[in-house]
Amino acid sequence: MSETISFEDFSKIDLRVGTIIEVKDFPEARNPAYQLTIDFGDIGVKKTSAQITTLYSKEDLLGQQIVANINFKKKQIANFMSECLVVGAVDSEKVILLSPEEELPNGTPVR
């Protein structure tokens, strides 16, 4: 288990539902990854990279709704600027993206 945090700490995390609208290969990344462009509705469109190439094809990801943290500080990854962090469940061999059971408006907050 990680360090215990307060509700105030948790409330700083801005998790939102978004739809993946573009998926590109990211050959410059250190580990195999995709560049994802995600529509968060009124919040706008953000980009990120994700090391999920072994479990997801580009075709599987396109149009999929996901959950992402949208208030991380931007991070340079190779020649690419990541603007959010897609959330997934991680075990020793794979990452499973978290997504809503039914379609929601892009930008819907996760509480």
N, C-alpha and C. Protein backbone atom coordinates (compact mmCIF):
# COMPACT_ATOMS: atom_id res chain seq x y z
N MET A 1 0.84 -1.18 0.00
CA MET A 1 0.00 0.00 0.00
C MET A 1 0.88 1.24 0.00
N SER A 2 0.43 2.27 -0.70
CA SER A 2 1.15 3.53 -0.75
C SER A 2 0.93 4.34 0.52
N GLU A 3 1.60 5.46 0.59
CA GLU A 3 1.46 6.37 1.72
C GLU A 3 0.01 6.84 1.85
N THR A 4 -0.47 6.99 3.06
CA THR A 4 -1.82 7.49 3.31
C THR A 4 -1.87 8.98 2.99
N ILE A 5 -2.94 9.40 2.29
CA ILE A 5 -3.10 10.81 1.96
C ILE A 5 -4.41 11.31 2.55
N SER A 6 -4.55 12.61 2.60
CA SER A 6 -5.78 13.22 3.11
C SER A 6 -6.78 13.40 1.96
N PHE A 7 -8.03 13.67 2.31
CA PHE A 7 -9.03 13.96 1.31
C PHE A 7 -8.61 15.18 0.49
N GLU A 8 -8.00 16.15 1.15
CA GLU A 8 -7.54 17.35 0.44
C GLU A 8 -6.51 16.99 -0.62
N ASP A 9 -5.60 16.04 -0.31
CA ASP A 9 -4.64 15.58 -1.30
C ASP A 9 -5.36 14.96 -2.50
N PHE A 10 -6.31 14.06 -2.22
CA PHE A 10 -7.05 13.39 -3.29
C PHE A 10 -7.84 14.38 -4.12
N SER A 11 -8.41 15.40 -3.48
CA SER A 11 -9.25 16.36 -4.21
C SER A 11 -8.44 17.19 -5.21
N LYS A 12 -7.13 17.18 -5.11
CA LYS A 12 -6.28 17.90 -6.07
C LYS A 12 -6.18 17.16 -7.40
N ILE A 13 -6.50 15.88 -7.41
CA ILE A 13 -6.39 15.07 -8.63
C ILE A 13 -7.64 15.28 -9.46
N ASP A 14 -7.47 15.69 -10.72
CA ASP A 14 -8.59 15.97 -11.60
C ASP A 14 -8.71 14.84 -12.63
N LEU A 15 -9.52 13.83 -12.29
CA LEU A 15 -9.76 12.70 -13.19
C LEU A 15 -10.99 13.00 -14.03
N ARG A 16 -10.85 12.80 -15.35
CA ARG A 16 -11.96 13.09 -16.27
C ARG A 16 -12.08 11.98 -17.31
N VAL A 17 -13.29 11.86 -17.85
CA VAL A 17 -13.55 10.94 -18.95
C VAL A 17 -13.25 11.67 -20.25
N GLY A 18 -12.56 10.98 -21.15
CA GLY A 18 -12.28 11.53 -22.47
C GLY A 18 -12.35 10.44 -23.52
N THR A 19 -12.44 10.85 -24.78
CA THR A 19 -12.48 9.91 -25.89
C THR A 19 -11.21 10.03 -26.71
N ILE A 20 -10.57 8.90 -26.98
CA ILE A 20 -9.35 8.89 -27.80
C ILE A 20 -9.75 9.16 -29.25
N ILE A 21 -9.23 10.25 -29.82
CA ILE A 21 -9.59 10.64 -31.18
C ILE A 21 -8.46 10.43 -32.18
N GLU A 22 -7.25 10.16 -31.69
CA GLU A 22 -6.13 9.88 -32.59
C GLU A 22 -5.11 9.02 -31.86
N VAL A 23 -4.55 8.06 -32.59
CA VAL A 23 -3.52 7.17 -32.04
C VAL A 23 -2.40 7.07 -33.07
N LYS A 24 -1.18 7.38 -32.62
CA LYS A 24 -0.01 7.30 -33.50
C LYS A 24 1.07 6.44 -32.84
N ASP A 25 1.88 5.80 -33.67
CA ASP A 25 3.06 5.13 -33.15
C ASP A 25 4.00 6.18 -32.58
N PHE A 26 4.84 5.78 -31.63
CA PHE A 26 5.79 6.70 -30.98
C PHE A 26 7.17 6.04 -30.96
N PRO A 27 7.81 5.94 -32.13
CA PRO A 27 9.09 5.23 -32.21
C PRO A 27 10.22 5.88 -31.43
N GLU A 28 10.10 7.17 -31.10
CA GLU A 28 11.16 7.86 -30.34
C GLU A 28 11.13 7.53 -28.86
N ALA A 29 10.06 6.95 -28.38
CA ALA A 29 9.95 6.60 -26.96
C ALA A 29 10.95 5.51 -26.60
N ARG A 30 11.43 5.53 -25.36
CA ARG A 30 12.39 4.54 -24.87
C ARG A 30 11.80 3.12 -24.90
N ASN A 31 10.54 3.01 -24.47
CA ASN A 31 9.81 1.74 -24.50
C ASN A 31 8.67 1.87 -25.51
N PRO A 32 8.21 0.77 -26.11
CA PRO A 32 7.14 0.85 -27.09
C PRO A 32 5.92 1.59 -26.52
N ALA A 33 5.44 2.57 -27.29
CA ALA A 33 4.34 3.40 -26.81
C ALA A 33 3.55 3.97 -27.99
N TYR A 34 2.37 4.46 -27.67
CA TYR A 34 1.55 5.22 -28.62
C TYR A 34 1.47 6.66 -28.16
N GLN A 35 1.26 7.57 -29.10
CA GLN A 35 0.87 8.94 -28.80
C GLN A 35 -0.65 8.99 -28.93
N LEU A 36 -1.33 9.42 -27.89
CA LEU A 36 -2.78 9.49 -27.88
C LEU A 36 -3.23 10.94 -27.86
N THR A 37 -4.24 11.26 -28.65
CA THR A 37 -4.91 12.55 -28.60
C THR A 37 -6.31 12.28 -28.06
N ILE A 38 -6.68 13.00 -26.98
CA ILE A 38 -7.90 12.70 -26.25
C ILE A 38 -8.77 13.96 -26.15
N ASP A 39 -10.05 13.79 -26.48
CA ASP A 39 -11.03 14.88 -26.41
C ASP A 39 -11.69 14.87 -25.04
N PHE A 40 -11.53 15.97 -24.30
CA PHE A 40 -12.15 16.11 -22.98
C PHE A 40 -13.29 17.13 -23.01
N GLY A 41 -13.98 17.25 -24.12
CA GLY A 41 -15.14 18.14 -24.23
C GLY A 41 -14.77 19.59 -24.04
N ASP A 42 -15.49 20.29 -23.16
CA ASP A 42 -15.27 21.72 -22.93
C ASP A 42 -13.87 22.03 -22.41
N ILE A 43 -13.22 21.04 -21.80
CA ILE A 43 -11.86 21.23 -21.27
C ILE A 43 -10.86 21.33 -22.41
N GLY A 44 -11.16 20.67 -23.52
CA GLY A 44 -10.28 20.71 -24.69
C GLY A 44 -9.68 19.37 -25.01
N VAL A 45 -8.74 19.40 -25.94
CA VAL A 45 -8.05 18.21 -26.42
C VAL A 45 -6.65 18.19 -25.81
N LYS A 46 -6.25 17.03 -25.29
CA LYS A 46 -4.92 16.88 -24.69
C LYS A 46 -4.23 15.67 -25.29
N LYS A 47 -2.90 15.69 -25.23
CA LYS A 47 -2.10 14.59 -25.76
C LYS A 47 -1.31 13.92 -24.64
N THR A 48 -1.06 12.65 -24.83
CA THR A 48 -0.24 11.90 -23.89
C THR A 48 0.39 10.73 -24.62
N SER A 49 1.34 10.09 -23.98
CA SER A 49 1.87 8.84 -24.50
C SER A 49 1.52 7.73 -23.52
N ALA A 50 1.41 6.52 -24.05
CA ALA A 50 1.04 5.39 -23.19
C ALA A 50 1.75 4.13 -23.67
N GLN A 51 2.35 3.43 -22.73
CA GLN A 51 3.06 2.18 -23.05
C GLN A 51 2.07 1.02 -22.98
N ILE A 52 1.21 0.95 -23.96
CA ILE A 52 0.15 -0.06 -23.98
C ILE A 52 0.10 -0.80 -25.31
N THR A 53 1.20 -0.82 -26.03
CA THR A 53 1.21 -1.39 -27.39
C THR A 53 1.06 -2.91 -27.41
N THR A 54 1.42 -3.60 -26.33
CA THR A 54 1.32 -5.06 -26.35
C THR A 54 -0.11 -5.54 -26.13
N LEU A 55 -0.95 -4.73 -25.51
CA LEU A 55 -2.31 -5.16 -25.21
C LEU A 55 -3.37 -4.53 -26.10
N TYR A 56 -3.08 -3.34 -26.64
CA TYR A 56 -4.07 -2.61 -27.43
C TYR A 56 -3.52 -2.28 -28.81
N SER A 57 -4.34 -2.47 -29.83
CA SER A 57 -3.99 -2.01 -31.17
C SER A 57 -4.47 -0.57 -31.33
N LYS A 58 -3.94 0.12 -32.31
CA LYS A 58 -4.39 1.49 -32.56
C LYS A 58 -5.87 1.51 -32.89
N GLU A 59 -6.32 0.52 -33.63
CA GLU A 59 -7.74 0.44 -34.01
C GLU A 59 -8.64 0.22 -32.79
N ASP A 60 -8.18 -0.59 -31.83
CA ASP A 60 -8.95 -0.83 -30.60
C ASP A 60 -9.11 0.45 -29.78
N LEU A 61 -8.07 1.28 -29.77
CA LEU A 61 -8.07 2.47 -28.93
C LEU A 61 -8.90 3.62 -29.52
N LEU A 62 -8.91 3.73 -30.83
CA LEU A 62 -9.59 4.85 -31.48
C LEU A 62 -11.08 4.84 -31.14
N GLY A 63 -11.57 5.92 -30.57
CA GLY A 63 -12.96 6.04 -30.19
C GLY A 63 -13.29 5.52 -28.80
N GLN A 64 -12.30 4.93 -28.12
CA GLN A 64 -12.54 4.39 -26.78
C GLN A 64 -12.56 5.52 -25.75
N GLN A 65 -13.51 5.44 -24.82
CA GLN A 65 -13.52 6.39 -23.70
C GLN A 65 -12.60 5.85 -22.61
N ILE A 66 -11.85 6.74 -22.01
CA ILE A 66 -10.88 6.38 -20.97
C ILE A 66 -11.02 7.37 -19.82
N VAL A 67 -10.29 7.10 -18.74
CA VAL A 67 -10.17 8.01 -17.61
C VAL A 67 -8.73 8.51 -17.58
N ALA A 68 -8.56 9.80 -17.37
CA ALA A 68 -7.21 10.37 -17.32
C ALA A 68 -7.14 11.48 -16.28
N ASN A 69 -5.95 11.66 -15.72
CA ASN A 69 -5.67 12.80 -14.85
C ASN A 69 -5.27 13.94 -15.78
N ILE A 70 -6.01 15.05 -15.70
CA ILE A 70 -5.75 16.14 -16.65
C ILE A 70 -5.02 17.33 -16.03
N ASN A 71 -4.66 17.24 -14.75
CA ASN A 71 -3.98 18.39 -14.14
C ASN A 71 -2.55 18.09 -13.70
N PHE A 72 -1.92 17.12 -14.33
CA PHE A 72 -0.48 16.93 -14.14
C PHE A 72 0.27 18.04 -14.86
N LYS A 73 1.44 18.34 -14.35
CA LYS A 73 2.32 19.26 -15.05
C LYS A 73 2.74 18.62 -16.36
N LYS A 74 2.83 19.39 -17.45
CA LYS A 74 3.26 18.85 -18.73
C LYS A 74 4.64 18.21 -18.59
N LYS A 75 4.87 17.13 -19.36
CA LYS A 75 6.13 16.41 -19.27
C LYS A 75 6.67 16.11 -20.66
N GLN A 76 7.93 16.44 -20.88
CA GLN A 76 8.59 16.15 -22.14
C GLN A 76 9.00 14.68 -22.17
N ILE A 77 8.55 13.95 -23.19
CA ILE A 77 8.94 12.55 -23.40
C ILE A 77 9.49 12.47 -24.81
N ALA A 78 10.81 12.29 -24.91
CA ALA A 78 11.51 12.34 -26.20
C ALA A 78 11.17 13.68 -26.86
N ASN A 79 10.62 13.65 -28.07
CA ASN A 79 10.29 14.90 -28.79
C ASN A 79 8.82 15.26 -28.66
N PHE A 80 8.16 14.80 -27.61
CA PHE A 80 6.71 14.90 -27.45
C PHE A 80 6.38 15.47 -26.07
N MET A 81 5.37 16.33 -26.01
CA MET A 81 4.94 16.92 -24.74
C MET A 81 3.65 16.23 -24.28
N SER A 82 3.72 15.53 -23.14
CA SER A 82 2.57 14.85 -22.56
C SER A 82 1.81 15.83 -21.68
N GLU A 83 0.48 15.90 -21.87
CA GLU A 83 -0.35 16.88 -21.17
C GLU A 83 -1.31 16.27 -20.15
N CYS A 84 -1.39 14.96 -20.10
CA CYS A 84 -2.29 14.28 -19.15
C CYS A 84 -1.75 12.87 -18.93
N LEU A 85 -2.39 12.12 -18.03
CA LEU A 85 -1.97 10.76 -17.74
C LEU A 85 -3.17 9.84 -17.76
N VAL A 86 -3.18 8.91 -18.71
CA VAL A 86 -4.25 7.93 -18.81
C VAL A 86 -4.13 6.97 -17.62
N VAL A 87 -5.26 6.60 -17.02
CA VAL A 87 -5.28 5.78 -15.82
C VAL A 87 -5.58 4.33 -16.20
N GLY A 88 -4.80 3.43 -15.60
CA GLY A 88 -5.02 2.01 -15.85
C GLY A 88 -4.68 1.19 -14.62
N ALA A 89 -5.22 -0.02 -14.61
CA ALA A 89 -4.88 -0.98 -13.57
C ALA A 89 -3.63 -1.73 -14.04
N VAL A 90 -2.62 -1.84 -13.17
CA VAL A 90 -1.33 -2.38 -13.56
C VAL A 90 -1.03 -3.63 -12.75
N ASP A 91 -0.70 -4.70 -13.46
CA ASP A 91 -0.13 -5.86 -12.77
C ASP A 91 1.26 -6.09 -13.35
N SER A 92 1.88 -7.18 -13.03
CA SER A 92 3.27 -7.38 -13.44
C SER A 92 3.44 -7.52 -14.94
N GLU A 93 2.39 -7.82 -15.67
CA GLU A 93 2.53 -8.08 -17.10
C GLU A 93 1.75 -7.16 -18.02
N LYS A 94 0.80 -6.39 -17.49
CA LYS A 94 -0.02 -5.59 -18.39
C LYS A 94 -0.64 -4.39 -17.69
N VAL A 95 -1.14 -3.49 -18.54
CA VAL A 95 -1.88 -2.32 -18.07
C VAL A 95 -3.25 -2.39 -18.74
N ILE A 96 -4.31 -2.35 -17.92
CA ILE A 96 -5.67 -2.34 -18.44
C ILE A 96 -6.23 -0.94 -18.23
N LEU A 97 -6.57 -0.27 -19.32
CA LEU A 97 -7.10 1.09 -19.21
C LEU A 97 -8.45 1.09 -18.50
N LEU A 98 -8.64 2.10 -17.65
CA LEU A 98 -9.92 2.26 -16.98
C LEU A 98 -10.85 3.07 -17.88
N SER A 99 -12.08 2.60 -18.00
CA SER A 99 -13.05 3.29 -18.84
C SER A 99 -14.44 3.12 -18.25
N PRO A 100 -15.34 4.07 -18.53
CA PRO A 100 -16.70 3.95 -17.99
C PRO A 100 -17.44 2.78 -18.65
N GLU A 101 -18.39 2.20 -17.91
CA GLU A 101 -19.18 1.08 -18.44
C GLU A 101 -20.11 1.52 -19.56
N GLU A 102 -20.55 2.77 -19.52
CA GLU A 102 -21.39 3.29 -20.59
C GLU A 102 -20.87 4.65 -21.00
N GLU A 103 -21.23 5.08 -22.21
CA GLU A 103 -20.70 6.33 -22.74
C GLU A 103 -21.17 7.52 -21.89
N LEU A 104 -20.23 8.42 -21.63
CA LEU A 104 -20.48 9.63 -20.87
C LEU A 104 -20.01 10.83 -21.68
N PRO A 105 -20.51 12.03 -21.37
CA PRO A 105 -19.99 13.21 -22.04
C PRO A 105 -18.49 13.38 -21.75
N ASN A 106 -17.72 13.74 -22.77
CA ASN A 106 -16.30 14.01 -22.57
C ASN A 106 -16.13 15.13 -21.56
N GLY A 107 -15.20 14.94 -20.64
CA GLY A 107 -14.96 15.93 -19.59
C GLY A 107 -15.67 15.62 -18.28
N THR A 108 -16.50 14.56 -18.27
CA THR A 108 -17.20 14.18 -17.04
C THR A 108 -16.18 13.89 -15.94
N PRO A 109 -16.33 14.52 -14.76
CA PRO A 109 -15.38 14.26 -13.67
C PRO A 109 -15.58 12.88 -13.05
N VAL A 110 -14.49 12.30 -12.57
CA VAL A 110 -14.51 11.03 -11.84
C VAL A 110 -14.25 11.37 -10.38
N ARG A 111 -15.13 10.97 -9.51
CA ARG A 111 -15.00 11.29 -8.09
C ARG A 111 -14.86 10.04 -7.27
